[in-house]
PDB file of N, CA and C in Angstrom:
ATOM      1  N   MET A   1     -28.836  -1.449  22.324  1.00  0.00           N
ATOM      2  CA  MET A   1     -27.386  -1.473  22.189  1.00  0.00           C
ATOM      3  C   MET A   1     -26.792  -0.808  23.427  1.00  0.00           C
ATOM      4  N   GLY A   2     -25.802  -1.436  24.016  1.00  0.00           N
ATOM      5  CA  GLY A   2     -25.177  -0.905  25.215  1.00  0.00           C
ATOM      6  C   GLY A   2     -24.232   0.232  24.903  1.00  0.00           C
ATOM      7  N   ASP A   3     -23.879   0.957  25.967  1.00  0.00           N
ATOM      8  CA  ASP A   3     -22.957   2.078  25.801  1.00  0.00           C
ATOM      9  C   ASP A   3     -21.625   1.641  25.213  1.00  0.00           C
ATOM     10  N   SER A   4     -21.135   0.472  25.648  1.00  0.00           N
ATOM     11  CA  SER A   4     -19.832   0.027  25.144  1.00  0.00           C
ATOM     12  C   SER A   4     -19.902  -0.295  23.651  1.00  0.00           C
ATOM     13  N   SER A   5     -21.015  -0.863  23.195  1.00  0.00           N
ATOM     14  CA  SER A   5     -21.178  -1.148  21.764  1.00  0.00           C
ATOM     15  C   SER A   5     -21.245   0.149  20.968  1.00  0.00           C
ATOM     16  N   ALA A   6     -21.978   1.111  21.475  1.00  0.00           N
ATOM     17  CA  ALA A   6     -22.107   2.394  20.778  1.00  0.00           C
ATOM     18  C   ALA A   6     -20.761   3.114  20.722  1.00  0.00           C
ATOM     19  N   SER A   7     -20.013   3.069  21.803  1.00  0.00           N
ATOM     20  CA  SER A   7     -18.716   3.747  21.807  1.00  0.00           C
ATOM     21  C   SER A   7     -17.729   3.019  20.885  1.00  0.00           C
ATOM     22  N   TYR A   8     -17.846   1.696  20.797  1.00  0.00           N
ATOM     23  CA  TYR A   8     -16.984   0.931  19.885  1.00  0.00           C
ATOM     24  C   TYR A   8     -17.283   1.315  18.437  1.00  0.00           C
ATOM     25  N   ILE A   9     -18.563   1.433  18.116  1.00  0.00           N
ATOM     26  CA  ILE A   9     -18.953   1.818  16.758  1.00  0.00           C
ATOM     27  C   ILE A   9     -18.471   3.235  16.458  1.00  0.00           C
ATOM     28  N   ARG A  10     -18.578   4.139  17.427  1.00  0.00           N
ATOM     29  CA  ARG A  10     -18.068   5.502  17.233  1.00  0.00           C
ATOM     30  C   ARG A  10     -16.559   5.480  17.001  1.00  0.00           C
ATOM     31  N   LEU A  11     -15.843   4.605  17.723  1.00  0.00           N
ATOM     32  CA  LEU A  11     -14.396   4.472  17.526  1.00  0.00           C
ATOM     33  C   LEU A  11     -14.099   4.012  16.100  1.00  0.00           C
ATOM     34  N   VAL A  12     -14.807   2.988  15.650  1.00  0.00           N
ATOM     35  CA  VAL A  12     -14.603   2.476  14.287  1.00  0.00           C
ATOM     36  C   VAL A  12     -14.915   3.570  13.270  1.00  0.00           C
ATOM     37  N   GLN A  13     -15.997   4.309  13.497  1.00  0.00           N
ATOM     38  CA  GLN A  13     -16.350   5.410  12.597  1.00  0.00           C
ATOM     39  C   GLN A  13     -15.234   6.442  12.565  1.00  0.00           C
ATOM     40  N   HIS A  14     -14.716   6.794  13.720  1.00  0.00           N
ATOM     41  CA  HIS A  14     -13.621   7.769  13.795  1.00  0.00           C
ATOM     42  C   HIS A  14     -12.394   7.263  13.020  1.00  0.00           C
ATOM     43  N   LEU A  15     -12.066   5.991  13.168  1.00  0.00           N
ATOM     44  CA  LEU A  15     -10.913   5.425  12.464  1.00  0.00           C
ATOM     45  C   LEU A  15     -11.147   5.382  10.958  1.00  0.00           C
ATOM     46  N   ILE A  16     -12.384   5.104  10.557  1.00  0.00           N
ATOM     47  CA  ILE A  16     -12.716   5.130   9.125  1.00  0.00           C
ATOM     48  C   ILE A  16     -12.518   6.544   8.582  1.00  0.00           C
ATOM     49  N   GLU A  17     -12.934   7.531   9.354  1.00  0.00           N
ATOM     50  CA  GLU A  17     -12.739   8.917   8.921  1.00  0.00           C
ATOM     51  C   GLU A  17     -11.254   9.225   8.739  1.00  0.00           C
ATOM     52  N   LYS A  18     -10.405   8.673   9.598  1.00  0.00           N
ATOM     53  CA  LYS A  18      -8.961   8.842   9.440  1.00  0.00           C
ATOM     54  C   LYS A  18      -8.493   8.176   8.150  1.00  0.00           C
ATOM     55  N   CYS A  19      -9.025   7.006   7.854  1.00  0.00           N
ATOM     56  CA  CYS A  19      -8.685   6.313   6.602  1.00  0.00           C
ATOM     57  C   CYS A  19      -9.065   7.168   5.394  1.00  0.00           C
ATOM     58  N   LEU A  20     -10.215   7.820   5.484  1.00  0.00           N
ATOM     59  CA  LEU A  20     -10.665   8.679   4.376  1.00  0.00           C
ATOM     60  C   LEU A  20      -9.697   9.827   4.153  1.00  0.00           C
ATOM     61  N   LEU A  21      -9.124  10.346   5.232  1.00  0.00           N
ATOM     62  CA  LEU A  21      -8.143  11.423   5.099  1.00  0.00           C
ATOM     63  C   LEU A  21      -6.901  10.964   4.340  1.00  0.00           C
ATOM     64  N   PHE A  22      -6.629   9.656   4.404  1.00  0.00           N
ATOM     65  CA  PHE A  22      -5.497   9.086   3.679  1.00  0.00           C
ATOM     66  C   PHE A  22      -5.913   8.524   2.315  1.00  0.00           C
ATOM     67  N   ASN A  23      -7.123   8.902   1.870  1.00  0.00           N
ATOM     68  CA  ASN A  23      -7.655   8.493   0.560  1.00  0.00           C
ATOM     69  C   ASN A  23      -7.730   6.986   0.374  1.00  0.00           C
ATOM     70  N   MET A  24      -8.026   6.260   1.431  1.00  0.00           N
ATOM     71  CA  MET A  24      -8.153   4.808   1.344  1.00  0.00           C
ATOM     72  C   MET A  24      -9.545   4.433   0.855  1.00  0.00           C
ATOM     73  N   ASN A  25      -9.629   3.311   0.144  1.00  0.00           N
ATOM     74  CA  ASN A  25     -10.937   2.756  -0.184  1.00  0.00           C
ATOM     75  C   ASN A  25     -11.352   1.808   0.951  1.00  0.00           C
ATOM     76  N   LYS A  26     -12.517   1.227   0.819  1.00  0.00           N
ATOM     77  CA  LYS A  26     -13.037   0.386   1.904  1.00  0.00           C
ATOM     78  C   LYS A  26     -12.103  -0.785   2.208  1.00  0.00           C
ATOM     79  N   GLU A  27     -11.604  -1.446   1.163  1.00  0.00           N
ATOM     80  CA  GLU A  27     -10.748  -2.616   1.373  1.00  0.00           C
ATOM     81  C   GLU A  27      -9.434  -2.228   2.058  1.00  0.00           C
ATOM     82  N   GLU A  28      -8.842  -1.114   1.637  1.00  0.00           N
ATOM     83  CA  GLU A  28      -7.607  -0.642   2.262  1.00  0.00           C
ATOM     84  C   GLU A  28      -7.841  -0.291   3.723  1.00  0.00           C
ATOM     85  N   CYS A  29      -8.976   0.337   3.998  1.00  0.00           N
ATOM     86  CA  CYS A  29      -9.330   0.716   5.367  1.00  0.00           C
ATOM     87  C   CYS A  29      -9.560  -0.537   6.221  1.00  0.00           C
ATOM     88  N   MET A  30     -10.261  -1.509   5.680  1.00  0.00           N
ATOM     89  CA  MET A  30     -10.495  -2.754   6.419  1.00  0.00           C
ATOM     90  C   MET A  30      -9.168  -3.415   6.787  1.00  0.00           C
ATOM     91  N   GLU A  31      -8.249  -3.449   5.848  1.00  0.00           N
ATOM     92  CA  GLU A  31      -6.941  -4.054   6.085  1.00  0.00           C
ATOM     93  C   GLU A  31      -6.154  -3.269   7.137  1.00  0.00           C
ATOM     94  N   ALA A  32      -6.168  -1.944   7.016  1.00  0.00           N
ATOM     95  CA  ALA A  32      -5.423  -1.107   7.960  1.00  0.00           C
ATOM     96  C   ALA A  32      -5.977  -1.233   9.378  1.00  0.00           C
ATOM     97  N   LEU A  33      -7.299  -1.201   9.512  1.00  0.00           N
ATOM     98  CA  LEU A  33      -7.880  -1.284  10.848  1.00  0.00           C
ATOM     99  C   LEU A  33      -7.713  -2.673  11.449  1.00  0.00           C
ATOM    100  N   SER A  34      -7.728  -3.678  10.607  1.00  0.00           N
ATOM    101  CA  SER A  34      -7.481  -5.034  11.095  1.00  0.00           C
ATOM    102  C   SER A  34      -6.055  -5.160  11.613  1.00  0.00           C
ATOM    103  N   LYS A  35      -5.116  -4.638  10.848  1.00  0.00           N
ATOM    104  CA  LYS A  35      -3.692  -4.762  11.186  1.00  0.00           C
ATOM    105  C   LYS A  35      -3.294  -3.868  12.355  1.00  0.00           C
ATOM    106  N   HIS A  36      -3.743  -2.618  12.346  1.00  0.00           N
ATOM    107  CA  HIS A  36      -3.237  -1.645  13.307  1.00  0.00           C
ATOM    108  C   HIS A  36      -4.136  -1.412  14.519  1.00  0.00           C
ATOM    109  N   ALA A  37      -5.438  -1.756  14.395  1.00  0.00           N
ATOM    110  CA  ALA A  37      -6.356  -1.497  15.508  1.00  0.00           C
ATOM    111  C   ALA A  37      -7.078  -2.761  15.958  1.00  0.00           C
ATOM    112  N   ASN A  38      -6.726  -3.892  15.346  1.00  0.00           N
ATOM    113  CA  ASN A  38      -7.327  -5.180  15.699  1.00  0.00           C
ATOM    114  C   ASN A  38      -8.858  -5.152  15.607  1.00  0.00           C
ATOM    115  N   ILE A  39      -9.347  -4.493  14.553  1.00  0.00           N
ATOM    116  CA  ILE A  39     -10.792  -4.435  14.314  1.00  0.00           C
ATOM    117  C   ILE A  39     -11.108  -5.387  13.176  1.00  0.00           C
ATOM    118  N   LYS A  40     -12.062  -6.267  13.406  1.00  0.00           N
ATOM    119  CA  LYS A  40     -12.419  -7.261  12.392  1.00  0.00           C
ATOM    120  C   LYS A  40     -12.930  -6.566  11.132  1.00  0.00           C
ATOM    121  N   PRO A  41     -12.473  -7.066   9.972  1.00  0.00           N
ATOM    122  CA  PRO A  41     -12.899  -6.451   8.705  1.00  0.00           C
ATOM    123  C   PRO A  41     -14.417  -6.378   8.541  1.00  0.00           C
ATOM    124  N   VAL A  42     -15.143  -7.359   9.054  1.00  0.00           N
ATOM    125  CA  VAL A  42     -16.606  -7.340   8.913  1.00  0.00           C
ATOM    126  C   VAL A  42     -17.206  -6.156   9.675  1.00  0.00           C
ATOM    127  N   ILE A  43     -16.593  -5.780  10.787  1.00  0.00           N
ATOM    128  CA  ILE A  43     -17.070  -4.621  11.554  1.00  0.00           C
ATOM    129  C   ILE A  43     -16.814  -3.341  10.760  1.00  0.00           C
ATOM    130  N   THR A  44     -15.598  -3.202  10.255  1.00  0.00           N
ATOM    131  CA  THR A  44     -15.255  -2.019   9.459  1.00  0.00           C
ATOM    132  C   THR A  44     -16.164  -1.922   8.244  1.00  0.00           C
ATOM    133  N   SER A  45     -16.375  -3.030   7.565  1.00  0.00           N
ATOM    134  CA  SER A  45     -17.222  -3.049   6.380  1.00  0.00           C
ATOM    135  C   SER A  45     -18.652  -2.621   6.711  1.00  0.00           C
ATOM    136  N   THR A  46     -19.179  -3.127   7.808  1.00  0.00           N
ATOM    137  CA  THR A  46     -20.550  -2.804   8.209  1.00  0.00           C
ATOM    138  C   THR A  46     -20.687  -1.318   8.541  1.00  0.00           C
ATOM    139  N   VAL A  47     -19.756  -0.785   9.308  1.00  0.00           N
ATOM    140  CA  VAL A  47     -19.808   0.638   9.667  1.00  0.00           C
ATOM    141  C   VAL A  47     -19.619   1.491   8.414  1.00  0.00           C
ATOM    142  N   TRP A  48     -18.688   1.088   7.533  1.00  0.00           N
ATOM    143  CA  TRP A  48     -18.453   1.822   6.282  1.00  0.00           C
ATOM    144  C   TRP A  48     -19.748   1.884   5.469  1.00  0.00           C
ATOM    145  N   LYS A  49     -20.434   0.743   5.336  1.00  0.00           N
ATOM    146  CA  LYS A  49     -21.681   0.705   4.552  1.00  0.00           C
ATOM    147  C   LYS A  49     -22.737   1.626   5.142  1.00  0.00           C
ATOM    148  N   GLU A  50     -22.830   1.668   6.470  1.00  0.00           N
ATOM    149  CA  GLU A  50     -23.790   2.561   7.118  1.00  0.00           C
ATOM    150  C   GLU A  50     -23.425   4.018   6.876  1.00  0.00           C
ATOM    151  N   LEU A  51     -22.137   4.322   6.944  1.00  0.00           N
ATOM    152  CA  LEU A  51     -21.696   5.688   6.649  1.00  0.00           C
ATOM    153  C   LEU A  51     -22.031   6.066   5.210  1.00  0.00           C
ATOM    154  N   GLN A  52     -21.866   5.112   4.290  1.00  0.00           N
ATOM    155  CA  GLN A  52     -22.201   5.367   2.884  1.00  0.00           C
ATOM    156  C   GLN A  52     -23.689   5.667   2.732  1.00  0.00           C
ATOM    157  N   LYS A  53     -24.530   4.915   3.460  1.00  0.00           N
ATOM    158  CA  LYS A  53     -25.976   5.148   3.385  1.00  0.00           C
ATOM    159  C   LYS A  53     -26.333   6.533   3.901  1.00  0.00           C
ATOM    160  N   GLU A  54     -25.713   6.922   5.007  1.00  0.00           N
ATOM    161  CA  GLU A  54     -26.031   8.192   5.651  1.00  0.00           C
ATOM    162  C   GLU A  54     -25.417   9.386   4.924  1.00  0.00           C
ATOM    163  N   ASN A  55     -24.358   9.151   4.156  1.00  0.00           N
ATOM    164  CA  ASN A  55     -23.615  10.232   3.500  1.00  0.00           C
ATOM    165  C   ASN A  55     -23.383   9.918   2.032  1.00  0.00           C
ATOM    166  N   LYS A  56     -24.459   9.583   1.351  1.00  0.00           N
ATOM    167  CA  LYS A  56     -24.369   9.104  -0.031  1.00  0.00           C
ATOM    168  C   LYS A  56     -23.631  10.086  -0.937  1.00  0.00           C
ATOM    169  N   GLU A  57     -23.975  11.366  -0.866  1.00  0.00           N
ATOM    170  CA  GLU A  57     -23.351  12.356  -1.746  1.00  0.00           C
ATOM    171  C   GLU A  57     -21.861  12.493  -1.460  1.00  0.00           C
ATOM    172  N   PHE A  58     -21.488  12.461  -0.191  1.00  0.00           N
ATOM    173  CA  PHE A  58     -20.070  12.561   0.157  1.00  0.00           C
ATOM    174  C   PHE A  58     -19.293  11.411  -0.464  1.00  0.00           C
ATOM    175  N   PHE A  59     -19.789  10.187  -0.295  1.00  0.00           N
ATOM    176  CA  PHE A  59     -19.059   9.029  -0.795  1.00  0.00           C
ATOM    177  C   PHE A  59     -19.020   8.986  -2.317  1.00  0.00           C
ATOM    178  N   GLU A  60     -20.062   9.475  -2.965  1.00  0.00           N
ATOM    179  CA  GLU A  60     -20.027   9.553  -4.428  1.00  0.00           C
ATOM    180  C   GLU A  60     -18.918  10.507  -4.872  1.00  0.00           C
ATOM    181  N   ALA A  61     -18.845  11.661  -4.217  1.00  0.00           N
ATOM    182  CA  ALA A  61     -17.793  12.626  -4.545  1.00  0.00           C
ATOM    183  C   ALA A  61     -16.415  12.075  -4.179  1.00  0.00           C
ATOM    184  N   TYR A  62     -16.324  11.397  -3.050  1.00  0.00           N
ATOM    185  CA  TYR A  62     -15.056  10.811  -2.596  1.00  0.00           C
ATOM    186  C   TYR A  62     -14.559   9.773  -3.598  1.00  0.00           C
ATOM    187  N   ASP A  63     -15.461   8.881  -4.020  1.00  0.00           N
ATOM    188  CA  ASP A  63     -15.090   7.847  -4.992  1.00  0.00           C
ATOM    189  C   ASP A  63     -14.660   8.470  -6.318  1.00  0.00           C
ATOM    190  N   LYS A  64     -15.371   9.510  -6.741  1.00  0.00           N
ATOM    191  CA  LYS A  64     -15.014  10.198  -7.992  1.00  0.00           C
ATOM    192  C   LYS A  64     -13.639  10.846  -7.869  1.00  0.00           C
ATOM    193  N   GLN A  65     -13.382  11.472  -6.734  1.00  0.00           N
ATOM    194  CA  GLN A  65     -12.079  12.108  -6.510  1.00  0.00           C
ATOM    195  C   GLN A  65     -10.967  11.064  -6.530  1.00  0.00           C
ATOM    196  N   ARG A  66     -11.190   9.903  -5.908  1.00  0.00           N
ATOM    197  CA  ARG A  66     -10.180   8.838  -5.913  1.00  0.00           C
ATOM    198  C   ARG A  66      -9.918   8.350  -7.333  1.00  0.00           C
ATOM    199  N   GLU A  67     -10.980   8.158  -8.111  1.00  0.00           N
ATOM    200  CA  GLU A  67     -10.827   7.720  -9.502  1.00  0.00           C
ATOM    201  C   GLU A  67     -10.027   8.739 -10.300  1.00  0.00           C
ATOM    202  N   ASP A  68     -10.369  10.019 -10.127  1.00  0.00           N
ATOM    203  CA  ASP A  68      -9.646  11.076 -10.838  1.00  0.00           C
ATOM    204  C   ASP A  68      -8.178  11.093 -10.433  1.00  0.00           C
ATOM    205  N   MET A  69      -7.916  10.927  -9.153  1.00  0.00           N
ATOM    206  CA  MET A  69      -6.543  10.943  -8.662  1.00  0.00           C
ATOM    207  C   MET A  69      -5.753   9.765  -9.232  1.00  0.00           C
ATOM    208  N   ILE A  70      -6.365   8.601  -9.288  1.00  0.00           N
ATOM    209  CA  ILE A  70      -5.695   7.416  -9.835  1.00  0.00           C
ATOM    210  C   ILE A  70      -5.393   7.624 -11.321  1.00  0.00           C
ATOM    211  N   LEU A  71      -6.356   8.156 -12.064  1.00  0.00           N
ATOM    212  CA  LEU A  71      -6.136   8.423 -13.495  1.00  0.00           C
ATOM    213  C   LEU A  71      -5.018   9.437 -13.691  1.00  0.00           C
ATOM    214  N   GLU A  72      -4.996  10.470 -12.858  1.00  0.00           N
ATOM    215  CA  GLU A  72      -3.946  11.483 -12.963  1.00  0.00           C
ATOM    216  C   GLU A  72      -2.579  10.876 -12.664  1.00  0.00           C
ATOM    217  N   MET A  73      -2.507  10.023 -11.651  1.00  0.00           N
ATOM    218  CA  MET A  73      -1.236   9.379 -11.317  1.00  0.00           C
ATOM    219  C   MET A  73      -0.771   8.472 -12.456  1.00  0.00           C
ATOM    220  N   GLU A  74      -1.701   7.747 -13.078  1.00  0.00           N
ATOM    221  CA  GLU A  74      -1.348   6.884 -14.203  1.00  0.00           C
ATOM    222  C   GLU A  74      -0.838   7.711 -15.382  1.00  0.00           C
ATOM    223  N   THR A  75      -1.477   8.844 -15.627  1.00  0.00           N
ATOM    224  CA  THR A  75      -1.040   9.734 -16.708  1.00  0.00           C
ATOM    225  C   THR A  75       0.354  10.261 -16.426  1.00  0.00           C
ATOM    226  N   MET A  76       0.591  10.710 -15.197  1.00  0.00           N
ATOM    227  CA  MET A  76       1.920  11.224 -14.835  1.00  0.00           C
ATOM    228  C   MET A  76       2.971  10.132 -14.962  1.00  0.00           C
ATOM    229  N   GLN A  77       2.623   8.914 -14.605  1.00  0.00           N
ATOM    230  CA  GLN A  77       3.572   7.804 -14.719  1.00  0.00           C
ATOM    231  C   GLN A  77       3.949   7.578 -16.182  1.00  0.00           C
ATOM    232  N   ARG A  78       2.954   7.619 -17.080  1.00  0.00           N
ATOM    233  CA  ARG A  78       3.242   7.449 -18.510  1.00  0.00           C
ATOM    234  C   ARG A  78       4.119   8.583 -19.030  1.00  0.00           C
ATOM    235  N   VAL A  79       3.859   9.808 -18.591  1.00  0.00           N
ATOM    236  CA  VAL A  79       4.669  10.954 -19.018  1.00  0.00           C
ATOM    237  C   VAL A  79       6.107  10.784 -18.543  1.00  0.00           C
ATOM    238  N   PHE A  80       6.292  10.413 -17.278  1.00  0.00           N
ATOM    239  CA  PHE A  80       7.642  10.220 -16.752  1.00  0.00           C
ATOM    240  C   PHE A  80       8.362   9.093 -17.482  1.00  0.00           C
ATOM    241  N   GLN A  81       7.659   8.012 -17.790  1.00  0.00           N
ATOM    242  CA  GLN A  81       8.280   6.900 -18.518  1.00  0.00           C
ATOM    243  C   GLN A  81       8.716   7.360 -19.904  1.00  0.00           C
ATOM    244  N   LYS A  82       7.892   8.189 -20.556  1.00  0.00           N
ATOM    245  CA  LYS A  82       8.259   8.706 -21.878  1.00  0.00           C
ATOM    246  C   LYS A  82       9.474   9.624 -21.768  1.00  0.00           C
ATOM    247  N   ILE A  83       9.506  10.476 -20.763  1.00  0.00           N
ATOM    248  CA  ILE A  83      10.655  11.367 -20.571  1.00  0.00           C
ATOM    249  C   ILE A  83      11.924  10.561 -20.364  1.00  0.00           C
ATOM    250  N   ILE A  84      11.841   9.528 -19.546  1.00  0.00           N
ATOM    251  CA  ILE A  84      13.014   8.678 -19.279  1.00  0.00           C
ATOM    252  C   ILE A  84      13.444   7.944 -20.540  1.00  0.00           C
ATOM    253  N   ALA A  85      12.462   7.416 -21.283  1.00  0.00           N
ATOM    254  CA  ALA A  85      12.787   6.702 -22.519  1.00  0.00           C
ATOM    255  C   ALA A  85      13.415   7.646 -23.543  1.00  0.00           C
ATOM    256  N   ASP A  86      12.866   8.859 -23.661  1.00  0.00           N
ATOM    257  CA  ASP A  86      13.430   9.839 -24.598  1.00  0.00           C
ATOM    258  C   ASP A  86      14.840  10.246 -24.183  1.00  0.00           C
ATOM    259  N   ALA A  87      15.036  10.431 -22.892  1.00  0.00           N
ATOM    260  CA  ALA A  87      16.373  10.813 -22.404  1.00  0.00           C
ATOM    261  C   ALA A  87      17.370   9.698 -22.659  1.00  0.00           C
ATOM    262  N   ALA A  88      16.957   8.463 -22.468  1.00  0.00           N
ATOM    263  CA  ALA A  88      17.850   7.322 -22.706  1.00  0.00           C
ATOM    264  C   ALA A  88      18.177   7.206 -24.195  1.00  0.00           C
ATOM    265  N   ALA A  89      17.181   7.478 -25.034  1.00  0.00           N
ATOM    266  CA  ALA A  89      17.401   7.387 -26.483  1.00  0.00           C
ATOM    267  C   ALA A  89      18.311   8.494 -26.994  1.00  0.00           C
ATOM    268  N   ASN A  90      18.295   9.624 -26.324  1.00  0.00           N
ATOM    269  CA  ASN A  90      19.094  10.775 -26.773  1.00  0.00           C
ATOM    270  C   ASN A  90      20.449  10.878 -26.091  1.00  0.00           C
ATOM    271  N   SER A  91      20.697  10.020 -25.105  1.00  0.00           N
ATOM    272  CA  SER A  91      21.992  10.109 -24.420  1.00  0.00           C
ATOM    273  C   SER A  91      23.043   9.389 -25.242  1.00  0.00           C
ATOM    274  N   PRO A  92      24.259   9.900 -25.211  1.00  0.00           N
ATOM    275  CA  PRO A  92      25.337   9.267 -25.988  1.00  0.00           C
ATOM    276  C   PRO A  92      25.676   7.887 -25.407  1.00  0.00           C
ATOM    277  N   THR A  93      25.916   6.954 -26.285  1.00  0.00           N
ATOM    278  CA  THR A  93      26.332   5.621 -25.826  1.00  0.00           C
ATOM    279  C   THR A  93      27.847   5.585 -25.719  1.00  0.00           C
ATOM    280  N   ASP A  94      28.365   4.528 -25.167  1.00  0.00           N
ATOM    281  CA  ASP A  94      29.821   4.377 -25.041  1.00  0.00           C
ATOM    282  C   ASP A  94      30.482   4.382 -26.427  1.00  0.00           C
ATOM    283  N   ALA A  95      29.796   3.862 -27.433  1.00  0.00           N
ATOM    284  CA  ALA A  95      30.341   3.801 -28.781  1.00  0.00           C
ATOM    285  C   ALA A  95      30.447   5.197 -29.405  1.00  0.00           C
ATOM    286  N   ASP A  96      29.536   6.108 -28.974  1.00  0.00           N
ATOM    287  CA  ASP A  96      29.533   7.467 -29.529  1.00  0.00           C
ATOM    288  C   ASP A  96      30.622   8.360 -28.911  1.00  0.00           C
ATOM    289  N   LYS A  97      31.194   7.968 -27.818  1.00  0.00           N
ATOM    290  CA  LYS A  97      32.169   8.820 -27.113  1.00  0.00           C
ATOM    291  C   LYS A  97      33.520   8.768 -27.737  1.00  0.00           C
TER     292      LYS A  97
END
């Protein structure tokens, strides 16, 4: 592998690490790098898979954290919807004024 290929892969790896900081999954990262860095999704996917192989425990924890965060956001959304519904039900209507 030539120096330019190795440096390109390091660049993709660095960009994937930035995606991880934004809590992106592989598909979101592939889309972002394709759109903003003109990196083909197959390249991002391949580098991501290699990173997963080399850092299995990290990615397991990362995926678990993302799942937990999504569940927490869904729970908060349901709570807010209930609060809004309760507030709407308890607010006086025009007929009550």
